[in-house]
Protein backbone atom coordinates (compact mmCIF):
# COMPACT_ATOMS: atom_id res chain seq x y z
CA MET A 1 -58.21 -24.20 -94.32
CA LEU A 2 -55.45 -25.14 -96.95
CA GLU A 3 -57.73 -23.84 -99.91
CA LEU A 4 -57.75 -20.10 -98.71
CA LEU A 5 -53.66 -19.90 -99.74
CA PRO A 6 -52.78 -19.52 -103.30
CA ALA A 7 -51.14 -22.50 -104.77
CA GLU A 8 -48.23 -20.69 -106.56
CA ARG A 9 -46.83 -19.10 -103.36
CA PRO A 10 -48.47 -20.44 -100.27
CA ILE A 11 -44.70 -20.16 -98.34
CA GLU A 12 -45.49 -16.26 -98.16
CA SER A 13 -48.95 -16.67 -96.59
CA LEU A 14 -48.91 -17.04 -92.88
CA ILE A 15 -51.52 -18.60 -90.35
CA ARG A 16 -51.53 -18.53 -86.70
CA LEU A 17 -53.80 -20.45 -84.54
CA ASP A 18 -54.36 -19.97 -80.76
CA PRO A 19 -57.48 -20.94 -78.62
CA HIS A 20 -60.64 -18.60 -79.66
CA ILE A 21 -58.95 -16.94 -82.49
CA ALA A 22 -57.21 -17.79 -85.79
CA GLN A 23 -55.41 -15.16 -87.73
CA VAL A 24 -54.77 -15.52 -91.61
CA ALA A 25 -52.21 -13.31 -93.74
CA ARG A 26 -53.01 -14.66 -97.40
CA TYR A 27 -50.76 -13.52 -100.07
CA ILE A 28 -52.04 -12.00 -103.12
CA ASP A 29 -49.41 -10.59 -104.86
CA GLY A 30 -46.45 -8.13 -105.34
CA PHE A 31 -48.86 -5.07 -105.97
CA PHE A 32 -51.84 -5.80 -103.31
CA GLY A 33 -49.64 -7.93 -100.88
CA PHE A 34 -51.72 -9.34 -98.01
CA ASP A 35 -55.44 -10.19 -97.36
CA GLN A 36 -55.80 -9.93 -93.51
CA TRP A 37 -58.30 -12.41 -91.98
CA PHE A 38 -59.03 -12.62 -88.37
CA LEU A 39 -62.06 -15.27 -87.13
CA PHE A 40 -62.69 -15.04 -83.14
CA ASP A 41 -65.26 -16.29 -81.05
CA THR A 42 -67.24 -14.53 -78.38
CA ARG A 43 -64.94 -15.96 -75.41
CA TRP A 44 -62.02 -14.20 -77.20
CA ALA A 45 -64.16 -11.19 -78.20
CA ALA A 46 -65.15 -10.82 -74.40
CA ALA A 47 -61.83 -11.06 -73.09
CA HIS A 48 -60.50 -8.43 -75.58
CA PRO A 49 -63.75 -6.18 -76.00
CA ASP A 50 -61.48 -3.07 -77.88
CA LEU A 51 -59.68 -4.98 -79.99
CA ALA A 52 -62.51 -7.21 -81.04
CA ARG A 53 -64.70 -4.25 -81.43
CA SER A 54 -61.83 -2.62 -83.00
CA LEU A 55 -61.19 -5.29 -85.69
CA LEU A 56 -65.34 -5.69 -86.74
CA ARG A 57 -65.17 -1.69 -87.11
CA TYR A 58 -61.93 -1.86 -89.39
CA ALA A 59 -63.79 -4.92 -91.20
CA ALA A 60 -67.26 -2.98 -91.88
CA HIS A 61 -65.55 0.92 -92.67
CA TRP A 62 -62.12 1.11 -94.28
CA ASP A 63 -62.17 5.04 -93.61
CA PRO A 64 -60.54 5.68 -90.07
CA TYR A 65 -61.74 8.98 -89.97
CA GLU A 66 -65.38 8.29 -91.00
CA THR A 67 -68.28 9.01 -88.37
């Protein structure tokens, strides 16, 4: 997992590991800021269906107003 972090500024990247979900805010640079990753399994998705659906939609559609 450490290879996902940029070697030049790993201190600014954040990782949070909980049962059934991993959250990563990988620092890109001063212009782009952070790249966010959410990795979760079906057990977490079943416990948080609205949030899981929202994260999957966010990953597939960047425009929140698109129908």
